[in-house]
Amino acid sequence: MSIGSALLRTLEGHSGSVLAVAFSPDGKVLASGSGDETVKLWDAGTGAALQTFNGHSGPVNTVAFSPEGKQLASTLHHRTVKLWDAGTGAASQTLDGHSGTVSAVAFSLDGKKLASASHDRTVKLWDAGMGAALQTLEGHSDWAWAVAFSPDGKQLASASRDRTVKLWDAGTGA
C-alpha cells in the first residue's frame, strides 16, 4: 500500500528503455534520456511531448538542466557529453575528453561550469559556455559514479565505486 502518493500520469514515446530523467529548474519541463538514443522534453503539467533531441550515437544515460534552464547536458554510454539549447533542441557542443563511459554530470549553481564523472576514474571540469575542458581531477582508484557542486560553487564532490567520496576545490581542482 502506498501512502500519500498517487500516479499523476505516464509518459510514453521512447522506443527504448528510459535511463534518465531531470526536471527543469522551474519544474515545468521534464527531460528523459533513453536507450533509443534520444532525449525527449515533456510538459510536466500535461505530459505532452514537446521536443525530441536526436544526434546521440548510443543510449542516453544521464540528463541535467543548467540552473537557468537554458542548457541541457546529456551523456552517453560512450565517452561524450552533449550540450543542447533547451529551447530549440539544437546541439551546441560535444564534450569529448573521457576515455570511459560518462556516468554523471552536474552544472555549477552559476551555470558556468559543468562537471562530468567517468568510468575512466576521472572527473572533468568544463566551461559550460565554450565547451572547453578546464581540468581533469584524478584520484579515484575505480569508476567515478556521481558529481555534485556545493551551493556556493566552491567545492565539487565526486563519488566512486572505490567506496570513497572526494571533495575538490572547484576553482583549482586541488
Protein backbone atom coordinates (compact mmCIF):
# COMPACT_ATOMS: atom_id res chain seq x y z
CA MET A 1 0.00 0.00 0.00
CA SER A 2 1.32 3.40 -0.97
CA ILE A 3 0.78 6.23 1.49
CA GLY A 4 0.30 9.80 0.29
CA SER A 5 1.25 9.22 -3.33
CA ALA A 6 -0.75 8.88 -6.49
CA LEU A 7 0.33 8.36 -10.06
CA LEU A 8 -0.29 11.57 -11.96
CA ARG A 9 0.47 10.36 -15.48
CA THR A 10 2.57 8.01 -17.56
CA LEU A 11 4.69 9.48 -20.34
CA GLU A 12 5.17 7.25 -23.35
CA GLY A 13 7.09 7.94 -26.52
CA HIS A 14 10.54 6.36 -26.29
CA SER A 15 11.21 3.17 -28.23
CA GLY A 16 13.90 2.02 -25.77
CA SER A 17 14.34 1.80 -22.02
CA VAL A 18 14.22 5.16 -20.25
CA LEU A 19 17.52 5.55 -18.39
CA ALA A 20 17.46 9.13 -17.07
CA VAL A 21 15.07 11.92 -16.05
CA ALA A 22 15.52 15.51 -14.85
CA PHE A 23 13.18 18.43 -14.19
CA SER A 24 13.95 21.91 -15.46
CA PRO A 25 14.69 24.41 -12.66
CA ASP A 26 11.19 25.89 -12.89
CA GLY A 27 9.62 22.42 -12.79
CA LYS A 28 7.66 22.97 -16.00
CA VAL A 29 9.66 20.67 -18.26
CA LEU A 30 10.85 17.10 -17.76
CA ALA A 31 13.72 15.67 -19.81
CA SER A 32 14.12 11.94 -20.36
CA GLY A 33 17.06 10.06 -21.86
CA SER A 34 16.66 6.66 -23.44
CA GLY A 35 18.29 3.62 -24.93
CA ASP A 36 16.66 4.71 -28.19
CA GLU A 37 19.47 7.32 -28.44
CA THR A 38 17.16 10.31 -27.90
CA VAL A 39 16.36 12.92 -25.28
CA LYS A 40 12.72 13.95 -25.05
CA LEU A 41 11.30 17.04 -23.39
CA TRP A 42 7.84 16.80 -21.86
CA ASP A 43 5.41 19.34 -20.42
CA ALA A 44 5.47 18.34 -16.76
CA GLY A 45 1.96 19.66 -16.19
CA THR A 46 0.17 17.96 -19.07
CA GLY A 47 2.54 15.16 -20.08
CA ALA A 48 2.59 16.38 -23.68
CA ALA A 49 5.73 15.67 -25.69
CA LEU A 50 7.46 18.96 -26.54
CA GLN A 51 10.65 18.05 -28.40
CA THR A 52 12.93 15.18 -29.32
CA PHE A 53 16.69 15.72 -29.39
CA ASN A 54 18.41 13.42 -31.88
CA GLY A 55 22.10 13.09 -32.52
CA HIS A 56 23.34 10.60 -29.97
CA SER A 57 25.21 7.52 -31.13
CA GLY A 58 24.28 5.37 -28.17
CA PRO A 59 22.00 5.10 -25.14
CA VAL A 60 21.50 8.34 -23.18
CA ASN A 61 22.24 7.52 -19.54
CA THR A 62 22.16 10.96 -17.86
CA VAL A 63 20.36 14.28 -18.39
CA ALA A 64 20.76 17.52 -16.42
CA PHE A 65 19.46 21.06 -16.86
CA SER A 66 21.61 24.11 -16.25
CA PRO A 67 20.43 26.25 -13.30
CA GLU A 68 18.73 28.82 -15.55
CA GLY A 69 17.19 26.02 -17.65
CA LYS A 70 18.64 27.22 -20.95
CA GLN A 71 21.08 24.35 -21.45
CA LEU A 72 20.63 20.61 -21.16
CA ALA A 73 23.52 18.18 -20.78
CA SER A 74 23.22 14.54 -21.76
CA THR A 75 25.71 11.70 -21.56
CA LEU A 76 26.13 8.50 -23.46
CA HIS A 77 27.34 5.06 -22.60
CA HIS A 78 30.24 6.21 -24.77
CA ARG A 79 32.73 8.87 -23.73
CA THR A 80 30.97 12.12 -24.58
CA VAL A 81 28.74 14.78 -23.08
CA LYS A 82 26.39 16.70 -25.36
CA LEU A 83 25.21 20.22 -24.54
CA TRP A 84 21.89 21.32 -26.03
CA ASP A 85 19.96 24.55 -26.28
CA ALA A 86 16.93 23.51 -24.22
CA GLY A 87 14.69 25.94 -26.08
CA THR A 88 15.49 24.99 -29.65
CA GLY A 89 16.84 21.46 -29.27
CA ALA A 90 19.98 22.37 -31.19
CA ALA A 91 23.17 20.62 -30.11
CA SER A 92 25.60 23.36 -29.10
CA GLN A 93 28.68 21.38 -28.01
CA THR A 94 30.03 17.85 -27.84
CA LEU A 95 32.48 17.46 -24.96
CA ASP A 96 34.91 14.67 -25.75
CA GLY A 97 37.69 14.02 -23.29
CA HIS A 98 36.96 10.94 -21.22
CA SER A 99 38.32 7.52 -22.14
CA GLY A 100 35.43 5.67 -20.47
CA THR A 101 31.65 5.86 -20.10
CA VAL A 102 30.45 9.17 -18.66
CA SER A 103 28.25 8.23 -15.71
CA ALA A 104 27.11 11.61 -14.36
CA VAL A 105 27.09 15.35 -14.99
CA ALA A 106 26.31 18.39 -12.86
CA PHE A 107 26.23 22.12 -13.54
CA SER A 108 27.64 24.61 -11.05
CA LEU A 109 24.97 26.83 -9.49
CA ASP A 110 26.01 29.79 -11.65
CA GLY A 111 25.83 27.57 -14.75
CA LYS A 112 29.36 28.47 -15.86
CA LYS A 113 30.95 25.08 -15.18
CA LEU A 114 29.95 21.51 -15.86
CA ALA A 115 31.46 18.51 -14.09
CA SER A 116 31.46 15.01 -15.55
CA ALA A 117 32.28 11.72 -13.81
CA SER A 118 33.53 8.74 -15.78
CA HIS A 119 34.42 5.08 -15.67
CA ASP A 120 37.94 6.22 -16.61
CA ARG A 121 38.29 7.11 -12.89
CA THR A 122 38.41 10.85 -13.53
CA VAL A 123 36.21 13.88 -13.06
CA LYS A 124 36.45 16.63 -15.64
CA LEU A 125 35.54 20.28 -15.25
CA TRP A 126 34.31 22.03 -18.39
CA ASP A 127 33.47 25.58 -19.38
CA ALA A 128 29.73 25.14 -19.98
CA GLY A 129 29.54 28.05 -22.39
CA MET A 130 32.55 27.29 -24.56
CA GLY A 131 32.67 23.51 -24.11
CA ALA A 132 36.37 23.65 -23.28
CA ALA A 133 37.97 21.25 -20.81
CA LEU A 134 39.26 23.20 -17.81
CA GLN A 135 40.66 20.48 -15.54
CA THR A 136 40.94 16.74 -15.11
CA LEU A 137 40.65 15.62 -11.50
CA GLU A 138 42.40 12.34 -10.77
CA GLY A 139 42.40 10.44 -7.51
CA HIS A 140 39.76 7.72 -7.65
CA SER A 141 41.02 4.15 -7.97
CA ASP A 142 37.81 2.93 -9.64
CA TRP A 143 34.91 4.31 -11.68
CA ALA A 144 33.68 7.78 -10.75
CA TRP A 145 29.87 7.49 -10.46
CA ALA A 146 28.50 10.85 -9.37
CA VAL A 147 29.35 14.54 -9.07
CA ALA A 148 27.76 17.49 -7.24
CA PHE A 149 28.72 21.11 -6.74
CA SER A 150 28.29 22.79 -3.36
CA PRO A 151 25.66 25.57 -3.29
CA ASP A 152 28.37 28.26 -3.30
CA GLY A 153 30.15 26.57 -6.23
CA LYS A 154 33.47 26.42 -4.40
CA GLN A 155 33.56 22.67 -3.83
CA LEU A 156 32.89 19.68 -6.02
CA ALA A 157 32.11 16.25 -4.58
CA SER A 158 32.72 13.06 -6.52
CA ALA A 159 31.62 9.55 -5.59
CA SER A 160 33.26 6.38 -6.79
CA ARG A 161 32.98 2.63 -6.94
CA ASP A 162 36.22 2.71 -4.89
CA ARG A 163 33.96 3.38 -1.86
CA THR A 164 35.12 6.99 -1.41
CA VAL A 165 33.72 10.47 -1.74
CA LYS A 166 36.29 13.08 -2.66
CA LEU A 167 35.90 16.83 -2.12
CA TRP A 168 37.70 19.06 -4.58
CA ASP A 169 38.31 22.79 -4.79
CA ALA A 170 36.16 23.58 -7.83
CA GLY A 171 38.33 26.56 -8.70
CA THR A 172 41.76 24.94 -8.59
CA GLY A 173 40.97 21.24 -8.81
CA ALA A 174 43.03 20.54 -5.69
